[in-house]
Protein backbone atom coordinates (compact mmCIF):
# COMPACT_ATOMS: atom_id res chain seq x y z
CA MET A 1 98.83 81.56 184.58
CA ASN A 2 98.80 85.19 184.85
CA ASN A 3 98.43 87.38 181.64
CA THR A 4 101.72 88.74 181.75
CA LEU A 5 104.93 88.54 179.34
CA THR A 6 106.93 87.02 182.21
CA ASP A 7 104.78 84.09 182.33
CA TYR A 8 104.85 83.96 178.65
CA PHE A 9 108.40 83.55 178.49
CA LEU A 10 108.16 80.85 181.05
CA GLU A 11 105.90 78.77 178.80
CA LEU A 12 108.03 79.27 176.22
CA ILE A 13 110.93 77.68 178.06
CA ASN A 14 108.93 74.87 178.96
CA ASP A 15 107.46 74.22 175.34
CA TYR A 16 111.25 74.58 173.69
CA GLY A 17 113.90 74.21 176.44
CA PHE A 18 116.68 76.75 177.15
CA ASN A 19 118.87 76.06 174.56
CA LYS A 20 116.69 77.10 171.46
CA ASN A 21 117.89 80.45 169.52
CA ALA A 22 115.67 83.16 169.55
CA PHE A 23 117.56 85.94 168.09
CA PHE A 24 120.36 86.18 165.32
CA THR A 25 122.97 89.25 165.01
CA LYS A 26 125.09 89.72 161.76
CA GLU A 27 128.78 89.99 162.56
CA ASP A 28 131.01 90.03 159.71
CA GLU A 29 129.51 87.62 157.45
CA GLU A 30 127.95 85.23 160.18
CA TYR A 31 124.76 85.30 162.25
CA ILE A 32 125.34 85.01 165.71
CA PRO A 33 122.51 83.15 167.71
CA PHE A 34 120.73 84.23 171.06
CA SER A 35 119.26 81.50 172.91
CA TYR A 36 116.62 81.64 175.87
CA SER A 37 119.26 80.53 178.11
CA ASP A 38 121.34 83.34 176.99
CA LEU A 39 118.26 85.76 177.91
CA ALA A 40 117.50 84.12 180.82
CA LYS A 41 121.08 84.49 182.36
CA ASN A 42 121.60 87.91 181.33
CA LEU A 43 118.34 89.27 182.32
CA ILE A 44 118.90 87.80 185.98
CA CYS A 45 122.24 89.52 185.81
CA LEU A 46 121.13 92.86 184.86
CA MET A 47 118.48 92.71 187.87
CA LYS A 48 121.09 92.09 190.17
CA TYR A 49 122.80 94.99 188.97
CA PHE A 50 119.54 96.90 189.18
CA ILE A 51 119.49 96.19 193.01
CA SER A 52 123.21 96.86 193.52
CA ASN A 53 122.67 100.47 191.76
CA ASP A 54 119.44 101.42 193.76
CA ILE A 55 117.11 100.76 190.73
CA TYR A 56 113.84 99.84 192.38
CA PRO A 57 110.58 98.07 191.13
CA GLY A 58 108.50 100.91 189.11
CA ASP A 59 111.78 102.84 188.26
CA LYS A 60 112.06 104.04 184.87
CA VAL A 61 114.57 102.49 182.56
CA SER A 62 115.15 103.99 179.23
CA ILE A 63 116.41 102.59 175.93
CA LEU A 64 118.02 104.35 173.05
CA SER A 65 119.17 101.94 170.96
CA GLU A 66 118.88 100.36 167.53
CA ASN A 67 117.42 96.50 167.71
CA ARG A 68 119.89 94.17 169.18
CA THR A 69 119.86 91.53 172.05
CA GLU A 70 120.92 93.80 174.59
CA TRP A 71 117.79 95.70 174.21
CA VAL A 72 115.73 92.49 174.69
CA THR A 73 117.92 91.64 177.80
CA VAL A 74 117.00 95.13 179.06
CA ASP A 75 113.42 95.06 178.11
CA PHE A 76 113.00 91.16 179.94
CA ALA A 77 115.01 92.45 183.15
CA CYS A 78 112.32 95.28 183.36
CA MET A 79 109.51 92.88 183.13
CA PHE A 80 110.89 90.59 185.68
CA TYR A 81 111.98 93.01 187.96
CA LYS A 82 108.73 95.13 187.55
CA ALA A 83 111.03 98.18 186.42
CA VAL A 84 108.97 100.13 183.63
CA SER A 85 110.78 100.26 180.08
CA VAL A 86 111.09 103.64 178.37
CA PRO A 87 112.20 103.02 174.39
CA LEU A 88 113.78 106.01 172.54
CA TYR A 89 114.56 106.36 168.74
CA THR A 90 118.09 106.60 167.91
CA SER A 91 117.06 109.40 165.54
CA THR A 92 114.84 111.46 168.31
CA SER A 93 116.11 114.98 168.51
CA GLU A 94 118.09 116.32 171.62
CA ASN A 95 115.43 118.31 172.78
CA GLN A 96 113.09 115.26 172.61
CA ILE A 97 115.53 112.90 174.49
CA ARG A 98 115.96 115.35 177.26
CA TYR A 99 112.18 115.92 177.57
CA ILE A 100 111.53 112.08 177.60
CA LEU A 101 114.08 111.35 180.27
CA GLU A 102 113.04 114.26 182.42
CA ASN A 103 109.14 113.78 182.16
CA SER A 104 109.50 109.91 182.89
CA GLU A 105 112.15 110.54 185.28
CA SER A 106 114.38 107.81 184.05
CA LYS A 107 117.15 106.41 186.61
CA ILE A 108 119.32 104.75 183.99
CA CYS A 109 119.81 105.01 180.08
CA PHE A 110 120.94 102.35 178.15
CA VAL A 111 122.67 103.44 174.85
CA SER A 112 123.86 101.45 172.00
CA ASN A 113 127.11 103.68 171.13
CA SER A 114 129.47 106.42 172.24
CA PHE A 115 127.79 108.69 170.21
CA LEU A 116 124.48 108.38 171.68
CA ALA A 117 126.78 108.08 175.39
CA GLU A 118 128.28 111.50 174.90
CA LYS A 119 124.87 113.07 173.88
CA ILE A 120 123.11 111.66 177.22
CA LEU A 121 126.21 112.61 179.10
CA LYS A 122 126.03 116.35 178.28
CA MET A 123 122.53 116.66 179.05
CA LYS A 124 122.71 114.72 182.36
CA LYS A 125 123.41 117.55 184.69
CA ASP A 126 120.11 118.91 183.62
CA LEU A 127 118.18 115.54 184.79
CA PRO A 128 118.04 114.82 188.65
CA SER A 129 116.58 111.71 188.26
CA LEU A 130 119.43 110.12 185.89
CA ARG A 131 122.04 108.52 187.59
CA ILE A 132 123.55 105.99 185.40
CA VAL A 133 124.53 105.92 181.65
CA SER A 134 125.01 102.45 180.12
CA VAL A 135 126.34 101.69 177.09
CA PHE A 136 126.15 98.22 174.88
CA ASN A 137 129.37 98.70 172.73
CA ASN A 138 132.65 98.34 174.06
CA ILE A 139 134.41 101.79 174.30
CA SER A 140 138.06 102.73 174.66
CA LYS A 141 139.46 103.62 178.27
CA ASP A 142 141.16 106.67 176.39
CA GLU A 143 137.79 108.26 175.95
CA ASP A 144 137.41 111.63 178.34
CA TYR A 145 133.90 110.02 179.83
CA TYR A 146 134.97 106.58 179.99
CA LYS A 147 134.75 106.58 184.11
CA SER A 148 131.00 108.72 183.61
CA ILE A 149 129.32 105.45 182.27
CA SER A 150 128.90 101.70 182.96
CA LEU A 151 129.85 99.44 179.93
CA PHE A 152 127.05 96.85 179.52
CA GLY A 153 129.86 94.23 179.04
CA ASP A 154 131.15 94.79 182.61
CA ILE A 155 127.60 94.22 184.01
CA LEU A 156 127.33 90.86 182.12
CA LYS A 157 130.54 89.62 183.42
CA ASN A 158 128.80 88.23 186.76
CA LYS A 159 126.69 86.14 184.73
CA THR A 160 125.00 83.67 186.94
CA ASN A 161 126.53 79.83 187.10
CA SER A 162 123.58 78.29 188.17
CA ASP A 163 122.01 75.10 186.29
CA GLU A 164 119.13 75.29 184.28
CA ASN A 165 116.50 74.07 186.97
CA GLU A 166 118.02 76.93 189.38
CA ILE A 167 117.47 79.79 186.67
CA LEU A 168 113.88 78.49 185.81
CA SER A 169 113.17 78.50 189.66
CA GLU A 170 114.33 81.87 190.15
CA LEU A 171 112.26 83.22 187.26
CA ILE A 172 109.10 81.48 188.24
CA LYS A 173 109.46 83.22 191.82
CA LEU A 174 110.20 86.58 190.14
CA SER A 175 107.24 86.09 187.87
CA GLU A 176 104.80 85.22 190.17
CA SER A 177 105.24 89.02 191.83
CA VAL A 178 104.44 90.40 188.20
CA LYS A 179 100.69 91.17 188.02
CA GLU A 180 98.86 91.74 184.68
CA ASN A 181 97.72 95.46 185.33
CA ASP A 182 101.51 96.25 186.12
CA LEU A 183 102.46 98.97 183.72
CA LEU A 184 105.29 97.35 181.47
CA THR A 185 106.25 100.23 179.25
CA ILE A 186 106.10 104.09 178.51
CA ILE A 187 105.95 104.59 174.57
CA TYR A 188 106.45 108.47 173.84
CA THR A 189 104.49 109.04 170.42
CA SER A 190 106.31 110.72 168.23
CA GLY A 191 104.35 113.92 167.59
CA THR A 192 104.89 116.50 164.53
CA THR A 193 105.04 119.74 166.99
CA GLY A 194 105.11 119.97 170.54
CA ASN A 195 106.27 117.60 173.34
CA PRO A 196 105.71 113.72 172.92
CA LYS A 197 102.66 112.11 174.75
CA GLY A 198 103.81 108.92 177.09
CA VAL A 199 101.85 106.07 176.25
CA MET A 200 101.25 103.38 179.21
CA LEU A 201 101.09 100.15 178.47
CA SER A 202 100.68 97.01 181.04
CA HIS A 203 101.42 93.48 180.70
CA LYS A 204 97.87 92.53 179.79
CA ASN A 205 97.62 95.12 177.02
CA ILE A 206 100.68 93.92 175.26
CA TYR A 207 100.06 89.98 176.47
CA SER A 208 96.21 90.28 174.90
CA ASN A 209 97.35 91.83 171.68
CA VAL A 210 99.98 89.27 171.22
CA LYS A 211 97.64 86.32 172.04
CA ALA A 212 94.89 87.84 169.71
CA CYS A 213 97.27 88.44 166.76
CA LYS A 214 98.43 84.50 167.03
CA LYS A 215 94.87 83.49 166.37
CA VAL A 216 94.85 85.63 163.23
CA LEU A 217 98.51 84.86 161.83
CA PRO A 218 99.63 81.49 161.48
CA ILE A 219 103.28 81.64 163.11
CA SER A 220 104.96 78.68 164.24
CA ASP A 221 108.47 77.76 165.43
CA LYS A 222 109.36 77.17 161.84
CA ASP A 223 109.18 81.06 161.05
CA ARG A 224 111.75 83.18 160.39
CA PHE A 225 111.63 87.04 161.05
CA LEU A 226 113.96 89.64 159.19
CA SER A 227 113.69 92.71 161.68
CA TYR A 228 114.19 96.31 160.38
CA LEU A 229 111.79 98.60 162.07
CA PRO A 230 113.05 99.84 165.54
CA TYR A 231 111.54 98.33 168.58
CA SER A 232 111.14 101.84 169.92
CA HIS A 233 107.81 101.71 167.90
CA ILE A 234 105.30 99.39 169.30
CA TYR A 235 104.58 98.19 165.91
CA GLU A 236 107.62 96.25 165.61
CA ARG A 237 108.12 95.72 169.28
CA THR A 238 104.66 93.65 169.44
CA ALA A 239 104.74 92.11 165.85
CA GLY A 240 108.25 91.56 164.91
CA TYR A 241 109.47 90.77 168.41
CA TYR A 242 106.94 89.82 171.08
CA LEU A 243 104.71 87.91 168.32
CA ALA A 244 107.79 86.32 166.83
CA LEU A 245 109.22 85.02 170.12
CA PHE A 246 106.40 83.86 171.83
CA SER A 247 105.53 82.04 168.81
CA GLY A 248 109.05 80.15 168.96
CA ALA A 249 109.89 81.46 165.47
CA GLU A 250 113.41 83.17 164.75
CA VAL A 251 114.26 86.83 164.59
CA TYR A 252 117.08 87.99 162.57
CA TYR A 253 118.29 91.31 162.86
CA ALA A 254 118.93 93.73 159.46
CA GLN A 255 121.99 95.67 159.95
CA ASN A 256 120.30 99.10 158.55
CA ILE A 257 117.16 99.51 156.14
CA GLU A 258 120.29 99.77 152.98
CA THR A 259 121.15 96.09 153.99
CA ILE A 260 117.44 94.72 153.80
CA SER A 261 117.93 93.71 149.67
CA ALA A 262 121.19 92.05 150.63
CA GLN A 263 119.99 90.08 153.83
CA LEU A 264 116.85 88.79 152.21
CA PRO A 265 118.11 86.02 150.39
CA GLU A 266 120.79 85.28 153.45
CA VAL A 267 118.08 85.10 156.09
CA LYS A 268 115.35 83.64 153.68
CA PRO A 269 112.57 84.93 156.04
CA THR A 270 109.10 83.68 155.75
CA ILE A 271 107.69 86.90 157.74
CA VAL A 272 108.57 90.46 156.91
CA ILE A 273 106.80 92.98 159.17
CA THR A 274 106.93 96.14 157.02
CA VAL A 275 105.43 99.52 156.25
CA PRO A 276 104.24 100.66 152.89
CA ARG A 277 106.92 102.61 152.00
CA LEU A 278 109.53 100.00 151.58
CA LEU A 279 106.77 97.83 149.57
CA ASP A 280 106.24 100.86 147.43
CA LYS A 281 110.18 101.25 146.52
CA ILE A 282 110.33 97.62 145.66
CA TYR A 283 107.53 98.09 143.26
CA ASN A 284 108.95 101.17 142.00
CA ARG A 285 112.17 99.29 141.24
CA LEU A 286 110.73 96.56 139.56
CA MET A 287 108.51 98.72 137.15
CA LYS A 288 112.03 100.20 136.22
CA SER A 289 114.21 97.13 136.02
CA SER A 290 113.18 96.04 132.67
CA ASP A 291 115.51 99.12 131.35
CA THR A 292 118.64 96.99 132.56
CA ILE A 293 117.76 94.15 130.45
CA LYS A 294 119.84 93.68 127.38
CA ASN A 295 118.18 90.76 125.68
CA PRO A 296 115.20 91.90 123.72
CA PHE A 297 113.30 88.83 124.10
CA LYS A 298 113.87 88.51 127.82
CA LYS A 299 112.74 92.36 127.90
CA ILE A 300 109.31 91.45 126.34
CA LEU A 301 108.87 88.65 128.59
CA PHE A 302 109.71 90.33 131.45
CA ASN A 303 107.38 93.40 130.62
CA GLN A 304 104.46 91.18 129.84
CA ALA A 305 104.72 89.29 133.09
CA ILE A 306 104.49 92.99 134.90
CA ASN A 307 101.90 93.73 133.18
CA LEU A 308 99.58 90.45 133.92
CA ALA A 309 100.63 90.95 137.42
CA ASN A 310 99.34 94.30 137.39
CA ASN A 311 96.17 93.42 136.21
CA SER A 312 95.41 89.78 136.69
CA THR A 313 94.85 87.60 139.53
CA ASP A 314 93.86 84.05 137.50
CA LYS A 315 96.57 81.72 138.89
CA SER A 316 95.09 79.01 137.18
CA SER A 317 95.60 80.29 133.80
CA PHE A 318 98.53 79.14 131.27
CA LYS A 319 99.98 82.40 130.87
CA TRP A 320 100.28 83.12 134.70
CA LYS A 321 102.12 79.64 135.61
CA LEU A 322 104.43 80.44 132.25
CA PHE A 323 105.70 83.79 133.77
CA ASP A 324 105.67 82.51 137.70
CA ARG A 325 108.21 80.02 136.32
CA LEU A 326 110.11 82.44 134.38
CA VAL A 327 109.69 85.70 135.77
CA TYR A 328 107.69 85.76 139.45
CA LYS A 329 109.91 82.95 140.83
CA LYS A 330 113.00 84.97 140.37
CA ILE A 331 111.03 88.27 141.96
CA ARG A 332 110.71 85.80 145.07
CA GLU A 333 113.81 84.78 145.13
CA LYS A 334 115.31 88.28 145.32
CA THR A 335 113.20 88.02 148.62
CA GLY A 336 114.63 84.87 150.02
CA GLY A 337 112.02 82.64 148.17
CA GLU A 338 110.28 81.63 151.46
CA ILE A 339 108.13 84.36 152.30
CA ARG A 340 104.45 83.40 153.37
CA PHE A 341 103.47 86.94 153.51
CA PHE A 342 104.42 90.22 154.74
CA VAL A 343 102.09 92.20 157.37
CA SER A 344 101.84 95.97 156.35
CA GLY A 345 101.24 98.16 159.03
CA GLY A 346 101.80 101.92 160.08
CA GLY A 347 100.43 103.94 156.85
CA ALA A 348 98.12 103.00 154.24
CA LEU A 349 99.12 100.19 151.50
CA ASN A 350 98.23 101.17 148.02
CA SER A 351 95.78 98.45 147.19
CA HIS A 352 97.00 98.16 143.41
CA ILE A 353 100.52 97.44 144.91
CA GLY A 354 99.32 94.90 147.26
CA ARG A 355 97.59 93.01 144.66
CA PHE A 356 100.56 93.22 142.48
CA PHE A 357 102.62 91.33 144.79
CA GLU A 358 99.77 88.96 145.37
CA ASN A 359 99.93 88.17 141.71
CA THR A 360 103.69 87.28 141.83
CA GLY A 361 103.13 85.09 144.70
CA LEU A 362 103.86 87.45 147.98
CA THR A 363 101.04 87.96 150.16
CA THR A 364 100.82 91.22 151.79
CA LEU A 365 98.18 91.14 154.83
CA GLU A 366 97.46 94.83 155.93
CA GLY A 367 96.70 95.79 159.17
CA TYR A 368 95.77 98.78 161.62
CA GLY A 369 96.41 99.78 165.06
CA LEU A 370 98.03 102.43 167.14
CA THR A 371 100.55 102.53 169.96
CA GLU A 372 97.60 103.58 172.14
CA THR A 373 96.10 100.06 171.33
CA SER A 374 99.06 97.97 171.85
CA PRO A 375 98.89 98.39 168.81
CA VAL A 376 96.92 96.02 166.71
CA ILE A 377 93.39 96.70 166.18
CA SER A 378 92.59 94.69 163.02
CA VAL A 379 94.48 92.68 160.32
CA ASN A 380 93.66 90.90 157.27
CA PRO A 381 93.64 86.96 158.06
CA PRO A 382 95.80 84.87 155.33
CA GLU A 383 92.67 82.91 154.09
CA MET A 384 90.37 85.92 153.87
CA ASN A 385 92.60 88.60 152.63
CA LYS A 386 91.20 91.73 151.43
CA TYR A 387 93.29 94.09 149.85
CA GLY A 388 91.95 98.20 150.01
CA THR A 389 90.92 97.26 153.90
CA VAL A 390 92.73 96.86 157.14
CA GLY A 391 90.96 93.65 158.05
CA LYS A 392 88.86 92.47 160.66
CA ALA A 393 88.96 93.64 164.46
CA ILE A 394 90.78 90.76 165.97
CA ASP A 395 89.39 88.58 169.11
CA GLY A 396 88.58 90.75 172.01
CA VAL A 397 88.42 94.07 170.39
CA GLU A 398 85.18 96.04 169.60
CA ILE A 399 85.01 98.59 166.80
CA ARG A 400 82.46 101.29 166.34
CA LEU A 401 82.23 104.30 164.48
CA SER A 402 81.29 107.92 165.79
CA ASP A 403 78.42 109.55 163.99
CA ASP A 404 81.05 111.78 161.93
CA ASN A 405 82.59 107.96 161.18
CA GLU A 406 85.56 108.35 163.38
CA ILE A 407 86.90 104.72 164.55
CA LEU A 408 86.22 103.84 168.37
CA VAL A 409 87.87 101.03 170.02
CA LYS A 410 87.37 99.22 173.31
CA GLY A 411 89.03 95.63 174.68
CA ASP A 412 92.07 95.15 176.80
CA LEU A 413 94.63 96.35 174.14
CA VAL A 414 93.75 99.97 175.27
CA MET A 415 96.18 101.66 177.14
CA GLN A 416 96.04 102.63 180.66
CA GLY A 417 96.43 106.53 179.47
CA TYR A 418 99.01 109.15 178.73
CA TYR A 419 101.52 109.63 181.39
CA LYS A 420 101.07 112.60 183.81
CA ASP A 421 98.55 113.72 181.55
CA GLU A 422 94.87 113.11 182.48
CA LYS A 423 93.48 115.66 180.42
CA ALA A 424 94.59 114.33 177.24
CA THR A 425 93.89 110.88 178.64
CA GLY A 426 90.42 111.86 179.33
CA GLU A 427 89.96 113.58 175.90
CA SER A 428 91.24 110.15 174.17
CA ILE A 429 89.11 107.56 176.42
CA LYS A 430 85.16 108.11 176.82
CA ASP A 431 83.22 105.56 178.98
CA GLY A 432 85.82 103.00 177.79
CA TRP A 433 86.21 103.78 174.10
CA LEU A 434 89.41 105.07 172.90
CA TYR A 435 88.68 107.75 170.06
CA THR A 436 91.34 106.93 167.36
CA GLY A 437 91.20 110.00 165.59
CA ASP A 438 91.04 107.97 162.34
CA ILE A 439 87.91 108.26 159.87
CA GLY A 440 86.63 104.85 158.43
CA ILE A 441 84.03 102.45 156.94
CA ILE A 442 83.16 99.09 157.80
CA ASP A 443 82.04 97.01 154.77
CA ASP A 444 79.31 94.06 154.96
CA GLU A 445 81.66 91.28 155.93
CA GLY A 446 83.20 93.45 158.57
CA TYR A 447 86.30 94.51 157.20
CA LEU A 448 87.67 98.08 158.31
CA LYS A 449 88.85 100.56 155.70
CA ILE A 450 90.57 103.79 156.87
CA THR A 451 89.44 106.78 154.69
CA ASP A 452 91.79 109.34 156.52
CA ARG A 453 93.07 110.73 159.65
CA LYS A 454 90.25 113.09 161.18
CA LYS A 455 93.48 115.83 161.97
CA SER A 456 94.67 115.51 158.46
CA LEU A 457 91.50 116.35 156.83
CA PHE A 458 91.33 120.07 156.04
CA LYS A 459 88.76 122.44 154.87
CA THR A 460 89.13 124.80 151.95
CA SER A 461 88.37 128.57 152.53
CA GLY A 462 85.08 127.58 150.55
CA GLY A 463 83.96 125.31 153.53
CA LYS A 464 84.85 122.01 151.59
CA TYR A 465 86.13 119.19 153.44
CA ILE A 466 89.06 117.35 151.69
CA ALA A 467 91.07 114.03 152.43
CA PRO A 468 94.54 114.48 151.46
CA VAL A 469 95.64 110.92 151.39
CA LEU A 470 93.05 110.45 148.51
CA ILE A 471 94.72 113.15 146.24
CA GLU A 472 98.38 112.11 147.44
CA ASP A 473 98.05 108.22 146.51
CA LEU A 474 96.54 109.18 143.07
CA LEU A 475 99.28 111.29 142.26
CA CYS A 476 102.18 108.98 143.89
CA SER A 477 100.87 106.55 141.01
CA LEU A 478 102.83 108.85 138.33
CA ASP A 479 106.12 106.98 137.67
CA PHE A 480 108.26 109.82 138.51
CA VAL A 481 106.57 110.73 141.82
CA GLU A 482 107.88 109.34 145.31
CA THR A 483 106.27 111.45 147.65
CA VAL A 484 103.20 113.82 147.63
CA VAL A 485 101.85 116.21 150.54
CA ALA A 486 98.44 117.97 149.78
CA ILE A 487 97.87 121.41 150.85
CA GLY A 488 94.91 123.55 151.29
CA ASN A 489 93.59 123.99 155.08
CA GLU A 490 91.97 127.21 154.72
CA ARG A 491 92.85 128.03 151.30
CA MET A 492 91.35 128.59 148.01
CA PHE A 493 92.42 125.76 146.08
CA VAL A 494 94.52 122.76 146.95
CA THR A 495 98.24 122.62 145.84
CA ALA A 496 101.01 119.95 146.36
CA LEU A 497 104.15 119.45 147.52
CA ILE A 498 105.99 116.83 145.00
CA VAL A 499 109.59 114.88 145.74
CA PRO A 500 110.07 113.22 142.77
CA PHE A 501 112.47 110.00 142.03
CA GLU A 502 115.43 111.98 140.42
CA ASN A 503 116.48 109.57 137.91
CA GLU A 504 112.81 108.92 136.66
CA LEU A 505 112.14 112.43 136.16
CA ILE A 506 115.35 113.22 134.21
CA GLU A 507 114.62 110.06 132.04
CA TYR A 508 111.14 111.61 131.47
CA SER A 509 112.08 115.11 130.67
CA ARG A 510 114.60 113.83 128.10
CA LYS A 511 111.49 111.78 126.34
CA GLN A 512 109.90 115.33 126.21
CA ASN A 513 112.89 116.88 124.60
CA ILE A 514 113.24 119.35 127.77
CA ASN A 515 116.88 120.78 127.94
CA PHE A 516 118.49 121.36 131.10
CA LYS A 517 122.17 121.82 132.29
CA THR A 518 121.35 120.98 136.13
CA TYR A 519 118.66 118.86 137.85
CA GLU A 520 117.79 122.14 140.25
CA GLU A 521 117.11 124.15 136.72
CA LEU A 522 115.11 121.27 135.62
CA LEU A 523 112.61 121.31 138.79
CA THR A 524 111.61 124.84 137.44
CA ASP A 525 111.52 124.04 133.96
CA PRO A 526 108.03 125.94 132.76
CA LYS A 527 107.35 123.00 130.07
CA LEU A 528 108.19 120.33 132.47
CA HIS A 529 105.32 121.89 134.51
CA GLN A 530 103.09 122.18 132.12
CA LEU A 531 103.47 118.39 131.17
CA ILE A 532 103.16 117.41 135.10
CA GLN A 533 100.01 119.42 135.38
CA ARG A 534 98.73 117.51 132.61
CA ASP A 535 99.68 114.10 134.02
CA ILE A 536 98.06 115.34 137.28
CA ASP A 537 94.90 116.32 135.70
CA ILE A 538 94.34 113.15 133.83
CA LYS A 539 95.20 111.03 137.29
CA GLN A 540 92.87 113.32 139.18
CA SER A 541 89.99 113.45 136.60
CA SER A 542 87.77 111.20 139.18
CA LEU A 543 87.97 113.92 141.97
CA ALA A 544 85.76 116.76 142.61
CA HIS A 545 86.95 119.81 141.02
CA PHE A 546 87.47 121.61 144.91
CA GLU A 547 89.78 118.20 145.33
CA ARG A 548 91.92 118.78 142.46
CA VAL A 549 95.71 119.68 142.61
CA ARG A 550 95.96 123.55 140.81
CA ARG A 551 99.47 124.19 141.46
CA PHE A 552 102.68 122.06 142.56
CA THR A 553 106.21 122.30 143.38
CA LEU A 554 109.04 120.12 142.86
CA LEU A 555 111.12 119.55 145.81
CA PRO A 556 115.06 118.58 145.31
CA LYS A 557 115.70 116.07 147.94
CA PRO A 558 113.68 113.18 149.00
CA PHE A 559 112.55 113.32 152.72
CA SER A 560 114.09 111.22 155.05
CA ILE A 561 114.52 110.71 158.88
CA GLU A 562 117.27 112.66 159.54
CA SER A 563 116.30 115.69 157.75
CA GLY A 564 113.12 115.78 159.85
CA GLU A 565 110.22 114.94 157.09
CA LEU A 566 109.73 111.35 158.21
CA THR A 567 108.70 109.48 161.37
CA PRO A 568 111.07 106.54 162.21
CA THR A 569 108.69 104.04 160.64
CA LEU A 570 108.66 106.14 157.72
CA LYS A 571 105.65 108.21 157.71
CA VAL A 572 105.26 111.53 156.22
CA LYS A 573 105.38 114.45 159.15
CA ARG A 574 102.68 116.28 157.84
CA LYS A 575 102.96 119.58 160.14
CA PHE A 576 106.71 119.45 159.97
CA VAL A 577 106.63 119.42 156.01
CA GLU A 578 104.27 122.28 156.02
CA GLU A 579 106.41 124.20 158.39
CA LYS A 580 109.73 123.56 156.67
CA TYR A 581 108.41 124.35 153.15
CA SER A 582 106.29 127.39 154.17
CA ASP A 583 107.92 129.58 151.56
CA GLU A 584 107.35 127.26 148.82
CA ILE A 585 103.72 126.94 150.05
CA GLU A 586 103.30 130.39 150.12
CA LYS A 587 104.72 131.22 146.29
CA MET A 588 102.20 128.69 145.15
CA TYR A 589 99.17 130.69 146.32
CA LEU A 590 100.93 134.42 145.12
CA LYS A 591 101.07 133.14 141.87
CA LEU A 592 98.32 134.92 139.72
């Protein structure tokens, strides 16, 4: 067996047969299954379309779509045909889409809907390599551009009528030509400034990563995943798609991020691949939910249970067992009641929030990785979970720290390089070691802890180095604070941009007897600023004086993907934020 994902798929069919359902899409009130057989027939049909339209092995095939079974079909057709998939986020700006399609020399671009089709068709004349735009959704023949696109549904009308043995024989023959070092995908990293870099990942890169993850995370054909992060990001693609699929598990698609809370009880997932921001939101919602409880006795009981979960880990005590039956069980039921664990990645998990969920019976396993490492470098094992760390290196991965504590990584997971960028590749990979750009420490038990991004460290004008994440985490523990971005590079002191929870800030202000007519007026109220600075000073009392936030600005609107402050995996784009709010930042330093 080759170390390829095509052979992995054949192994899956051998273990479970063709008829096992793998993916489920919600349509109306039903979840429509998509089986191994559906995938096999569709990918063979799509490969024939490639051949008839002069798409050759090695050609680049772009996918601009949310998660869906068509995405999977294109991905696997590329694998077996030896074409190279190039995923794009649906939220990617037009300029970056144009750059990626041009830089990758994509021959065909698959899009999910008419809106994205129009966007690509407008730029098609400037992209000499791009010949075909194919749309997953059906489009009316009345549309002006109907004749300019290919409908995915029409492509699949020519599905094979061959029996399962013939299909399997064809797939085996195709897979024999696929080699472990063949380029599987180019994933363009979401940079905050400048053009994104194309990370080249081979079959061996991702195959080795999936295999190693399976040794740490006990996943079986009995598991159900709820998928809401985009496949365009390697984190969800490896952990929420390949790892689930190649473990025989089922994957249910969230319709969008807003429907997750409604779909959790429907799907009853056993595993959810997530990011810290979602867990933060669930935690903050729980902290406020007692306000809606009318019965005084139930309110006291709930608050005591929450207080215990915030402070205790003794699950053998009578009090914990009582609260588990009366409160924690209901919290778990809101997630479907069957979650074995969350896997958190794509950013730092607040260890207090992790322990809180653990104390309610919801385990969260934090991991760490990069697009350049396929992505998983380390993850906490369920049986030895250590909050505040990102776990131990997975099988086949070497980790060491440089003299300045930068995390260096070596193993089969490390990318082939950056597409058409030997200079950047040489700067990132030296003597086989990938320089991650992250700062960390390794404890006595071999657990890795990320302390900051090397590039996010800033130096004050007084020459002091500061890790903003530490400051931001402290301030985010205030009840009314949603997001914080610490500022201070080449400045005399540290300031902060703060995005409050609107309702919580209004409630806080009313308790402090602050009068205001509008929310915008409240945000600049001098008395409110004095009170918040007092609260900040209490939170940051453990910091060195040069690390402490001396001034702040309250921003009126939450950060979002659409407004540009967040990446598709909900991480803050620090440089973008600093540029967008440059006037607000300068005002904080102009005050005397």
